[in-house]
C-alpha atoms as a PDB file:
ATOM      1  CA  MET A   1      -8.898 -21.304 -87.581  1.00  0.00           C
ATOM      2  CA  THR A   2      -9.093 -19.691 -91.024  1.00  0.00           C
ATOM      3  CA  LYS A   3      -6.675 -16.999 -92.142  1.00  0.00           C
ATOM      4  CA  GLN A   4      -9.475 -14.434 -91.933  1.00  0.00           C
ATOM      5  CA  GLU A   5     -10.275 -15.313 -88.302  1.00  0.00           C
ATOM      6  CA  THR A   6      -6.570 -15.275 -87.418  1.00  0.00           C
ATOM      7  CA  GLY A   7      -6.166 -11.800 -88.903  1.00  0.00           C
ATOM      8  CA  HIS A   8      -9.225 -10.505 -87.033  1.00  0.00           C
ATOM      9  CA  HIS A   9      -7.917 -11.831 -83.697  1.00  0.00           C
ATOM     10  CA  ALA A  10      -4.548 -10.213 -84.321  1.00  0.00           C
ATOM     11  CA  ALA A  11      -6.216  -6.905 -85.085  1.00  0.00           C
ATOM     12  CA  MET A  12      -8.185  -6.972 -81.848  1.00  0.00           C
ATOM     13  CA  THR A  13      -5.053  -7.845 -79.915  1.00  0.00           C
ATOM     14  CA  ASN A  14      -3.143  -4.910 -81.429  1.00  0.00           C
ATOM     15  CA  ARG A  15      -6.071  -2.501 -80.763  1.00  0.00           C
ATOM     16  CA  ASN A  16      -6.050  -3.120 -76.941  1.00  0.00           C
ATOM     17  CA  PRO A  17      -2.541  -4.202 -76.060  1.00  0.00           C
ATOM     18  CA  MET A  18      -1.717  -5.136 -72.415  1.00  0.00           C
ATOM     19  CA  PRO A  19       1.206  -2.988 -71.123  1.00  0.00           C
ATOM     20  CA  LYS A  20       4.191  -4.998 -70.083  1.00  0.00           C
ATOM     21  CA  HIS A  21       4.497  -3.123 -66.718  1.00  0.00           C
ATOM     22  CA  ALA A  22       0.783  -3.012 -65.857  1.00  0.00           C
ATOM     23  CA  PRO A  23       1.118  -5.283 -62.813  1.00  0.00           C
ATOM     24  CA  ALA A  24       4.054  -3.210 -61.493  1.00  0.00           C
ATOM     25  CA  ARG A  25       2.103   0.025 -61.895  1.00  0.00           C
ATOM     26  CA  ALA A  26      -0.822  -1.424 -60.000  1.00  0.00           C
ATOM     27  CA  VAL A  27       1.483  -2.407 -57.141  1.00  0.00           C
ATOM     28  CA  LEU A  28       3.041   1.068 -57.069  1.00  0.00           C
ATOM     29  CA  ALA A  29      -0.417   2.666 -56.997  1.00  0.00           C
ATOM     30  CA  CYS A  30      -1.368   0.506 -54.034  1.00  0.00           C
ATOM     31  CA  LEU A  31       1.884   1.366 -52.277  1.00  0.00           C
ATOM     32  CA  ALA A  32       1.337   5.077 -52.955  1.00  0.00           C
ATOM     33  CA  ALA A  33      -2.158   4.882 -51.529  1.00  0.00           C
ATOM     34  CA  GLY A  34      -0.741   3.174 -48.472  1.00  0.00           C
ATOM     35  CA  LEU A  35       1.893   5.851 -48.018  1.00  0.00           C
ATOM     36  CA  ILE A  36      -0.766   8.555 -48.267  1.00  0.00           C
ATOM     37  CA  CYS A  37      -2.756   6.810 -45.572  1.00  0.00           C
ATOM     38  CA  LEU A  38       0.343   6.427 -43.432  1.00  0.00           C
ATOM     39  CA  SER A  39       1.221  10.120 -43.940  1.00  0.00           C
ATOM     40  CA  ALA A  40      -2.281  11.152 -42.889  1.00  0.00           C
ATOM     41  CA  GLU A  41      -1.987   8.977 -39.805  1.00  0.00           C
ATOM     42  CA  ALA A  42       1.407  10.512 -39.022  1.00  0.00           C
ATOM     43  CA  ALA A  43      -0.012  14.040 -39.406  1.00  0.00           C
ATOM     44  CA  ARG A  44      -2.821  13.165 -37.032  1.00  0.00           C
ATOM     45  CA  ALA A  45      -0.315  11.684 -34.584  1.00  0.00           C
ATOM     46  CA  ASP A  46       1.852  14.813 -34.682  1.00  0.00           C
ATOM     47  CA  ILE A  47      -0.698  16.897 -32.795  1.00  0.00           C
ATOM     48  CA  THR A  48      -0.533  14.590 -29.802  1.00  0.00           C
ATOM     49  CA  GLY A  49       3.089  15.540 -29.254  1.00  0.00           C
ATOM     50  CA  PRO A  50       5.111  15.612 -27.176  1.00  0.00           C
ATOM     51  CA  PHE A  51       6.458  19.145 -27.626  1.00  0.00           C
ATOM     52  CA  ASP A  52       9.094  20.953 -25.597  1.00  0.00           C
ATOM     53  CA  CYS A  53       7.755  23.612 -23.245  1.00  0.00           C
ATOM     54  CA  VAL A  54       8.707  25.778 -20.270  1.00  0.00           C
ATOM     55  CA  MET A  55       6.656  26.555 -17.154  1.00  0.00           C
ATOM     56  CA  ASP A  56       7.011  30.289 -16.497  1.00  0.00           C
ATOM     57  CA  PRO A  57       5.576  32.472 -13.714  1.00  0.00           C
ATOM     58  CA  ALA A  58       2.422  34.325 -14.679  1.00  0.00           C
ATOM     59  CA  GLN A  59       3.943  37.639 -13.539  1.00  0.00           C
ATOM     60  CA  VAL A  60       7.354  38.960 -12.524  1.00  0.00           C
ATOM     61  CA  VAL A  61       6.820  42.231 -10.649  1.00  0.00           C
ATOM     62  CA  PRO A  62       9.549  44.612  -9.421  1.00  0.00           C
ATOM     63  CA  VAL A  63       8.352  46.303  -6.223  1.00  0.00           C
ATOM     64  CA  GLY A  64       9.538  49.682  -4.991  1.00  0.00           C
ATOM     65  CA  ALA A  65       8.376  52.538  -2.790  1.00  0.00           C
ATOM     66  CA  ALA A  66       6.011  55.267  -3.972  1.00  0.00           C
ATOM     67  CA  VAL A  67       8.175  57.935  -2.305  1.00  0.00           C
ATOM     68  CA  SER A  68      11.839  58.439  -1.519  1.00  0.00           C
ATOM     69  CA  GLY A  69      13.301  57.821   1.914  1.00  0.00           C
ATOM     70  CA  ILE A  70      15.344  55.613   4.203  1.00  0.00           C
ATOM     71  CA  VAL A  71      14.339  51.966   4.552  1.00  0.00           C
ATOM     72  CA  ALA A  72      13.313  51.335   8.154  1.00  0.00           C
ATOM     73  CA  GLU A  73      12.667  47.580   7.807  1.00  0.00           C
ATOM     74  CA  VAL A  74      12.155  44.846   5.232  1.00  0.00           C
ATOM     75  CA  LEU A  75       9.807  42.166   6.524  1.00  0.00           C
ATOM     76  CA  VAL A  76      10.264  39.453   3.867  1.00  0.00           C
ATOM     77  CA  ASP A  77      13.154  37.650   2.261  1.00  0.00           C
ATOM     78  CA  ARG A  78      13.904  35.535  -0.771  1.00  0.00           C
ATOM     79  CA  GLY A  79      11.639  32.502  -1.074  1.00  0.00           C
ATOM     80  CA  ASP A  80       8.912  33.780   1.256  1.00  0.00           C
ATOM     81  CA  SER A  81       5.259  33.426   0.307  1.00  0.00           C
ATOM     82  CA  VAL A  82       3.303  36.681   0.215  1.00  0.00           C
ATOM     83  CA  THR A  83      -0.338  37.639  -0.186  1.00  0.00           C
ATOM     84  CA  ALA A  84      -1.877  40.655  -1.885  1.00  0.00           C
ATOM     85  CA  GLY A  85      -1.905  43.639   0.494  1.00  0.00           C
ATOM     86  CA  GLN A  86       0.699  42.173   2.853  1.00  0.00           C
ATOM     87  CA  VAL A  87       3.209  44.675   4.275  1.00  0.00           C
ATOM     88  CA  LEU A  88       6.624  43.963   2.749  1.00  0.00           C
ATOM     89  CA  ALA A  89       8.678  46.915   3.993  1.00  0.00           C
ATOM     90  CA  ARG A  90       8.442  50.308   5.692  1.00  0.00           C
ATOM     91  CA  LEU A  91      10.328  53.547   5.195  1.00  0.00           C
ATOM     92  CA  ASP A  92      11.318  55.877   8.014  1.00  0.00           C
ATOM     93  CA  THR A  93       8.287  57.944   9.052  1.00  0.00           C
ATOM     94  CA  SER A  94       9.594  60.062  11.949  1.00  0.00           C
ATOM     95  CA  VAL A  95       9.059  63.397  10.158  1.00  0.00           C
ATOM     96  CA  ASP A  96       5.719  62.318   8.736  1.00  0.00           C
ATOM     97  CA  ASP A  97       4.541  61.128  12.146  1.00  0.00           C
ATOM     98  CA  ALA A  98       5.262  64.588  13.597  1.00  0.00           C
ATOM     99  CA  SER A  99       3.329  66.258  10.775  1.00  0.00           C
ATOM    100  CA  VAL A 100       0.361  63.955  11.292  1.00  0.00           C
ATOM    101  CA  ALA A 101       0.346  64.647  15.034  1.00  0.00           C
ATOM    102  CA  LEU A 102       0.362  68.410  14.404  1.00  0.00           C
ATOM    103  CA  LEU A 103      -2.470  68.219  11.894  1.00  0.00           C
ATOM    104  CA  GLN A 104      -4.402  65.882  14.136  1.00  0.00           C
ATOM    105  CA  ALA A 105      -4.282  68.442  16.966  1.00  0.00           C
ATOM    106  CA  ARG A 106      -5.340  71.234  14.628  1.00  0.00           C
ATOM    107  CA  ALA A 107      -8.198  69.215  13.162  1.00  0.00           C
ATOM    108  CA  ASN A 108      -9.512  68.219  16.581  1.00  0.00           C
ATOM    109  CA  SER A 109      -9.247  71.689  18.075  1.00  0.00           C
ATOM    110  CA  GLU A 110     -12.519  73.641  18.352  1.00  0.00           C
ATOM    111  CA  ALA A 111     -11.116  76.622  20.251  1.00  0.00           C
ATOM    112  CA  GLY A 112     -11.110  79.008  17.278  1.00  0.00           C
ATOM    113  CA  LEU A 113     -14.604  78.001  16.192  1.00  0.00           C
ATOM    114  CA  ASP A 114     -15.993  78.260  19.711  1.00  0.00           C
ATOM    115  CA  ALA A 115     -14.489  81.758  20.127  1.00  0.00           C
ATOM    116  CA  GLN A 116     -16.076  83.006  16.917  1.00  0.00           C
ATOM    117  CA  LYS A 117     -19.433  81.492  17.859  1.00  0.00           C
ATOM    118  CA  ALA A 118     -19.276  83.222  21.256  1.00  0.00           C
ATOM    119  CA  ARG A 119     -18.477  86.560  19.616  1.00  0.00           C
ATOM    120  CA  ARG A 120     -21.355  86.081  17.150  1.00  0.00           C
ATOM    121  CA  ASP A 121     -23.771  85.346  19.992  1.00  0.00           C
ATOM    122  CA  LEU A 122     -22.626  88.496  21.793  1.00  0.00           C
ATOM    123  CA  VAL A 123     -23.112  90.598  18.661  1.00  0.00           C
ATOM    124  CA  ALA A 124     -26.537  89.030  18.084  1.00  0.00           C
ATOM    125  CA  ALA A 125     -27.598  89.893  21.656  1.00  0.00           C
ATOM    126  CA  ARG A 126     -26.428  93.473  21.197  1.00  0.00           C
ATOM    127  CA  ARG A 127     -28.375  93.728  17.930  1.00  0.00           C
ATOM    128  CA  ASP A 128     -31.501  92.506  19.717  1.00  0.00           C
ATOM    129  CA  ARG A 129     -31.097  95.202  22.392  1.00  0.00           C
ATOM    130  CA  VAL A 130     -30.649  97.898  19.778  1.00  0.00           C
ATOM    131  CA  ALA A 131     -33.724  96.625  17.924  1.00  0.00           C
ATOM    132  CA  ALA A 132     -35.781  96.935  21.124  1.00  0.00           C
ATOM    133  CA  LEU A 133     -34.541 100.473  21.664  1.00  0.00           C
ATOM    134  CA  VAL A 134     -35.354 101.401  18.071  1.00  0.00           C
ATOM    135  CA  GLU A 135     -38.923 100.140  18.558  1.00  0.00           C
ATOM    136  CA  ARG A 136     -39.287 102.485  21.549  1.00  0.00           C
ATOM    137  CA  ASN A 137     -37.664 105.303  19.555  1.00  0.00           C
ATOM    138  CA  VAL A 138     -34.803 105.434  22.049  1.00  0.00           C
ATOM    139  CA  ALA A 139     -32.072 104.442  19.581  1.00  0.00           C
ATOM    140  CA  ALA A 140     -31.483 105.765  16.111  1.00  0.00           C
ATOM    141  CA  THR A 141     -31.914 103.710  12.953  1.00  0.00           C
ATOM    142  CA  GLU A 142     -28.189 104.120  12.194  1.00  0.00           C
ATOM    143  CA  GLN A 143     -27.355 102.196  15.381  1.00  0.00           C
ATOM    144  CA  MET A 144     -29.577  99.355  14.224  1.00  0.00           C
ATOM    145  CA  GLU A 145     -27.818  99.268  10.866  1.00  0.00           C
ATOM    146  CA  GLU A 146     -24.413  99.164  12.580  1.00  0.00           C
ATOM    147  CA  ALA A 147     -25.554  96.277  14.805  1.00  0.00           C
ATOM    148  CA  GLU A 148     -26.835  94.362  11.764  1.00  0.00           C
ATOM    149  CA  ALA A 149     -23.524  94.876   9.975  1.00  0.00           C
ATOM    150  CA  GLU A 150     -21.565  93.647  13.011  1.00  0.00           C
ATOM    151  CA  LEU A 151     -23.737  90.525  13.155  1.00  0.00           C
ATOM    152  CA  VAL A 152     -23.127  89.779   9.453  1.00  0.00           C
ATOM    153  CA  ALA A 153     -19.384  90.133  10.022  1.00  0.00           C
ATOM    154  CA  ALA A 154     -19.549  87.841  13.058  1.00  0.00           C
ATOM    155  CA  GLU A 155     -21.453  85.208  11.070  1.00  0.00           C
ATOM    156  CA  ALA A 156     -18.777  85.371   8.364  1.00  0.00           C
ATOM    157  CA  LEU A 157     -16.036  84.791  10.957  1.00  0.00           C
ATOM    158  CA  VAL A 158     -17.883  81.723  12.244  1.00  0.00           C
ATOM    159  CA  ALA A 159     -18.140  80.353   8.713  1.00  0.00           C
ATOM    160  CA  GLU A 160     -14.432  81.015   8.189  1.00  0.00           C
ATOM    161  CA  ALA A 161     -13.552  79.164  11.401  1.00  0.00           C
ATOM    162  CA  GLU A 162     -15.686  76.200  10.312  1.00  0.00           C
ATOM    163  CA  LEU A 163     -13.942  76.163   6.921  1.00  0.00           C
ATOM    164  CA  GLU A 164     -10.505  76.238   8.570  1.00  0.00           C
ATOM    165  CA  ARG A 165     -11.468  73.280  10.716  1.00  0.00           C
ATOM    166  CA  GLU A 166     -12.690  71.382   7.657  1.00  0.00           C
ATOM    167  CA  LEU A 167      -9.473  72.181   5.785  1.00  0.00           C
ATOM    168  CA  ALA A 168      -7.445  70.970   8.761  1.00  0.00           C
ATOM    169  CA  GLY A 169      -9.295  67.638   8.513  1.00  0.00           C
ATOM    170  CA  LEU A 170      -8.522  67.414   4.806  1.00  0.00           C
ATOM    171  CA  GLU A 171      -4.849  68.197   5.418  1.00  0.00           C
ATOM    172  CA  LEU A 172      -4.790  65.458   8.060  1.00  0.00           C
ATOM    173  CA  ASP A 173      -6.272  62.983   5.580  1.00  0.00           C
ATOM    174  CA  ARG A 174      -3.671  63.959   2.987  1.00  0.00           C
ATOM    175  CA  ALA A 175      -0.858  63.546   5.520  1.00  0.00           C
ATOM    176  CA  ASN A 176      -2.136  60.083   6.441  1.00  0.00           C
ATOM    177  CA  ARG A 177      -2.219  59.109   2.788  1.00  0.00           C
ATOM    178  CA  LEU A 178       1.367  60.269   2.360  1.00  0.00           C
ATOM    179  CA  LEU A 179       2.281  58.282   5.449  1.00  0.00           C
ATOM    180  CA  GLU A 180       0.627  55.209   3.918  1.00  0.00           C
ATOM    181  CA  GLN A 181       2.871  55.587   0.863  1.00  0.00           C
ATOM    182  CA  ARG A 182       5.851  54.850   3.089  1.00  0.00           C
ATOM    183  CA  ILE A 183       4.473  51.358   3.600  1.00  0.00           C
ATOM    184  CA  VAL A 184       5.328  48.928   0.790  1.00  0.00           C
ATOM    185  CA  ARG A 185       2.639  46.292   0.209  1.00  0.00           C
ATOM    186  CA  SER A 186       2.479  43.237  -2.027  1.00  0.00           C
ATOM    187  CA  PRO A 187       0.429  43.685  -5.216  1.00  0.00           C
ATOM    188  CA  LEU A 188      -0.139  39.931  -5.641  1.00  0.00           C
ATOM    189  CA  ASP A 189      -0.224  36.461  -4.142  1.00  0.00           C
ATOM    190  CA  GLY A 190       3.081  34.771  -4.880  1.00  0.00           C
ATOM    191  CA  LEU A 191       6.704  34.407  -3.879  1.00  0.00           C
ATOM    192  CA  VAL A 192       9.638  36.710  -3.206  1.00  0.00           C
ATOM    193  CA  LEU A 193      12.131  36.064  -5.996  1.00  0.00           C
ATOM    194  CA  ALA A 194      14.800  38.514  -4.809  1.00  0.00           C
ATOM    195  CA  ARG A 195      15.472  41.123  -2.116  1.00  0.00           C
ATOM    196  CA  HIS A 196      17.528  44.100  -3.285  1.00  0.00           C
ATOM    197  CA  LEU A 197      17.640  46.484  -0.280  1.00  0.00           C
ATOM    198  CA  ASN A 198      18.080  46.288   3.478  1.00  0.00           C
ATOM    199  CA  ALA A 199      17.233  48.544   6.407  1.00  0.00           C
ATOM    200  CA  GLY A 200      19.173  51.804   6.436  1.00  0.00           C
ATOM    201  CA  GLU A 201      19.561  52.060   2.660  1.00  0.00           C
ATOM    202  CA  TYR A 202      18.134  54.944   0.664  1.00  0.00           C
ATOM    203  CA  VAL A 203      15.335  54.248  -1.770  1.00  0.00           C
ATOM    204  CA  SER A 204      14.082  56.559  -4.505  1.00  0.00           C
ATOM    205  CA  GLY A 205      10.940  56.323  -6.547  1.00  0.00           C
ATOM    206  CA  GLU A 206      12.713  54.241  -9.219  1.00  0.00           C
ATOM    207  CA  THR A 207      14.633  51.905  -6.905  1.00  0.00           C
ATOM    208  CA  ARG A 208      13.681  48.234  -6.893  1.00  0.00           C
ATOM    209  CA  MET A 209      13.350  46.904  -3.354  1.00  0.00           C
ATOM    210  CA  LEU A 210      11.993  43.416  -4.066  1.00  0.00           C
ATOM    211  CA  THR A 211      11.085  41.211  -7.020  1.00  0.00           C
ATOM    212  CA  LEU A 212       7.913  39.158  -6.700  1.00  0.00           C
ATOM    213  CA  VAL A 213       6.600  36.361  -8.908  1.00  0.00           C
ATOM    214  CA  LYS A 214       3.065  35.076  -9.366  1.00  0.00           C
ATOM    215  CA  VAL A 215       3.221  31.286  -9.742  1.00  0.00           C
ATOM    216  CA  ASP A 216      -0.482  30.460  -9.588  1.00  0.00           C
ATOM    217  CA  PRO A 217      -1.274  29.940 -12.331  1.00  0.00           C
ATOM    218  CA  LEU A 218       1.871  29.044 -14.235  1.00  0.00           C
ATOM    219  CA  TYR A 219       2.134  30.001 -17.894  1.00  0.00           C
ATOM    220  CA  VAL A 220       3.298  27.094 -20.033  1.00  0.00           C
ATOM    221  CA  GLU A 221       5.020  28.451 -23.138  1.00  0.00           C
ATOM    222  CA  ALA A 222       5.610  26.263 -26.200  1.00  0.00           C
ATOM    223  CA  PHE A 223       6.320  26.527 -29.927  1.00  0.00           C
ATOM    224  CA  LEU A 224       4.504  24.120 -32.219  1.00  0.00           C
ATOM    225  CA  PRO A 225       4.898  23.410 -35.968  1.00  0.00           C
ATOM    226  CA  VAL A 226       2.597  25.455 -38.166  1.00  0.00           C
ATOM    227  CA  ASP A 227       1.216  22.266 -39.743  1.00  0.00           C
ATOM    228  CA  ILE A 228      -0.965  21.636 -36.702  1.00  0.00           C
ATOM    229  CA  TYR A 229      -2.096  25.249 -36.260  1.00  0.00           C
ATOM    230  CA  PRO A 230      -5.655  24.489 -37.477  1.00  0.00           C
ATOM    231  CA  GLU A 231      -5.987  21.792 -34.814  1.00  0.00           C
ATOM    232  CA  ILE A 232      -5.216  24.087 -31.841  1.00  0.00           C
ATOM    233  CA  SER A 233      -7.929  26.227 -30.266  1.00  0.00           C
ATOM    234  CA  ILE A 234      -8.486  28.337 -27.157  1.00  0.00           C
ATOM    235  CA  GLY A 235      -9.726  26.256 -24.232  1.00  0.00           C
ATOM    236  CA  MET A 236      -8.215  23.033 -25.546  1.00  0.00           C
ATOM    237  CA  GLU A 237      -6.794  20.779 -22.826  1.00  0.00           C
ATOM    238  CA  GLY A 238      -3.193  19.613 -22.838  1.00  0.00           C
ATOM    239  CA  VAL A 239      -1.103  17.465 -20.524  1.00  0.00           C
ATOM    240  CA  ILE A 240       2.064  18.912 -19.003  1.00  0.00           C
ATOM    241  CA  THR A 241       4.804  16.542 -17.878  1.00  0.00           C
ATOM    242  CA  PRO A 242       7.627  18.372 -16.062  1.00  0.00           C
ATOM    243  CA  ASP A 243      11.199  17.189 -16.496  1.00  0.00           C
ATOM    244  CA  ALA A 244      12.891  15.297 -13.671  1.00  0.00           C
ATOM    245  CA  PRO A 245      13.021  15.502 -10.742  1.00  0.00           C
ATOM    246  CA  ILE A 246       9.401  16.764 -10.740  1.00  0.00           C
ATOM    247  CA  GLU A 247       7.035  13.830 -11.079  1.00  0.00           C
ATOM    248  CA  GLY A 248       3.519  13.511 -12.396  1.00  0.00           C
ATOM    249  CA  SER A 249       1.437  14.945 -15.223  1.00  0.00           C
ATOM    250  CA  TYR A 250      -0.892  17.931 -15.000  1.00  0.00           C
ATOM    251  CA  ARG A 251      -3.781  19.276 -17.031  1.00  0.00           C
ATOM    252  CA  ALA A 252      -3.546  22.778 -18.541  1.00  0.00           C
ATOM    253  CA  ARG A 253      -5.756  24.788 -20.891  1.00  0.00           C
ATOM    254  CA  VAL A 254      -4.770  26.715 -23.997  1.00  0.00           C
ATOM    255  CA  ALA A 255      -5.094  30.430 -23.248  1.00  0.00           C
ATOM    256  CA  VAL A 256      -3.220  32.093 -26.119  1.00  0.00           C
ATOM    257  CA  VAL A 257      -2.561  30.980 -29.688  1.00  0.00           C
ATOM    258  CA  ASP A 258      -0.248  33.357 -31.549  1.00  0.00           C
ATOM    259  CA  ARG A 259      -1.584  34.557 -34.894  1.00  0.00           C
ATOM    260  CA  VAL A 260       1.843  35.534 -36.163  1.00  0.00           C
ATOM    261  CA  PHE A 261       4.058  32.649 -37.265  1.00  0.00           C
ATOM    262  CA  ASP A 262       7.842  32.480 -37.088  1.00  0.00           C
ATOM    263  CA  ALA A 263       8.757  31.883 -40.728  1.00  0.00           C
ATOM    264  CA  ALA A 264      12.379  30.970 -39.973  1.00  0.00           C
ATOM    265  CA  SER A 265      11.487  28.048 -37.718  1.00  0.00           C
ATOM    266  CA  GLY A 266       8.042  27.256 -39.130  1.00  0.00           C
ATOM    267  CA  THR A 267       6.449  27.442 -35.690  1.00  0.00           C
ATOM    268  CA  PHE A 268       3.856  29.425 -33.782  1.00  0.00           C
ATOM    269  CA  GLY A 269       3.687  30.323 -30.103  1.00  0.00           C
ATOM    270  CA  LEU A 270       1.272  28.797 -27.640  1.00  0.00           C
ATOM    271  CA  ARG A 271       0.472  29.555 -23.997  1.00  0.00           C
ATOM    272  CA  LEU A 272      -1.422  27.340 -21.580  1.00  0.00           C
ATOM    273  CA  THR A 273      -2.484  28.147 -18.013  1.00  0.00           C
ATOM    274  CA  LEU A 274      -1.616  25.568 -15.383  1.00  0.00           C
ATOM    275  CA  ASP A 275      -3.222  25.863 -11.947  1.00  0.00           C
ATOM    276  CA  ASN A 276      -0.661  25.764  -9.149  1.00  0.00           C
ATOM    277  CA  PRO A 277      -2.568  26.665  -5.958  1.00  0.00           C
ATOM    278  CA  ASP A 278      -0.085  25.206  -3.471  1.00  0.00           C
ATOM    279  CA  PHE A 279       3.007  26.418  -5.395  1.00  0.00           C
ATOM    280  CA  ALA A 280       4.115  22.780  -5.716  1.00  0.00           C
ATOM    281  CA  LEU A 281       5.337  23.183  -9.288  1.00  0.00           C
ATOM    282  CA  PRO A 282       8.422  25.366  -9.752  1.00  0.00           C
ATOM    283  CA  ALA A 283       8.470  28.086 -12.361  1.00  0.00           C
ATOM    284  CA  GLY A 284      11.243  28.253 -14.932  1.00  0.00           C
ATOM    285  CA  HIS A 285      11.311  24.472 -15.360  1.00  0.00           C
ATOM    286  CA  ARG A 286      11.298  22.556 -18.632  1.00  0.00           C
ATOM    287  CA  CYS A 287       8.456  20.242 -19.532  1.00  0.00           C
ATOM    288  CA  LEU A 288       6.776  18.261 -22.287  1.00  0.00           C
ATOM    289  CA  LEU A 289       3.377  19.172 -23.725  1.00  0.00           C
ATOM    290  CA  SER A 290       1.033  16.657 -25.306  1.00  0.00           C
ATOM    291  CA  PHE A 291      -2.555  16.585 -26.521  1.00  0.00           C
ATOM    292  CA  PRO A 292      -3.593  12.954 -25.980  1.00  0.00           C
ATOM    293  CA  ASP A 293      -7.294  13.737 -26.446  1.00  0.00           C
ATOM    294  CA  ALA A 294      -6.631  15.081 -29.949  1.00  0.00           C
ATOM    295  CA  GLY A 295      -5.100  11.868 -31.278  1.00  0.00           C
END
């Protein structure tokens, strides 16, 4: 090789030098790409869970009486199943029963109305006689006017008696409604969580007699990391696995996704509804939530 060719080769070599660490950089780039892929896989795996959760009752309802009085009887106790409309307790109704009986007799009585109708008929017959006499010029016109006025008054008394009878019926209906308020009924299908009063105790309008819980459905409450918020949607199905000693896994649907995050913990709230028709699953129990179909 001539000196000129050697110099040209050297110049080309210096113009495009090969970095000493090029192979190492290539390896690091491959490793970085692999880590990115692994991180993406891990992020996708995160949504499947599991996440800690709690199975809560759908409702916790304190039950009291609509009116004040003495408790006559409580028909349920802690742990009993109840249905909506079921009688749970009764207050003493002795005074109310007497009032209803009195109003019932007054509403059913027709004596006053019958008396006023009989008087009206008598006045009407007298008016007819006077009218006949006036036609034969035996009675004066003033007598006819007096008879007409008496008949109008009699008709008004009949109408008043009919109104009184109608009002007595309305008062009876009101008394029955007040009597019904002394019966305490269940507002839901569920369980008796606690009994606070017994027969003979006084209850006011603000006194709690019983505490009921609605456990069908159960509300499954959980807090998930905000990173997977975009992956969660209403109606999405999750799998609930209760802690021991409850066995099995159960399907639940997302009902509520909180739109306000907790900045301190980096989480958001989530609620799922879990059907529990036979009350087999206890409320207030810990569980694990997973989304296997989202993996």
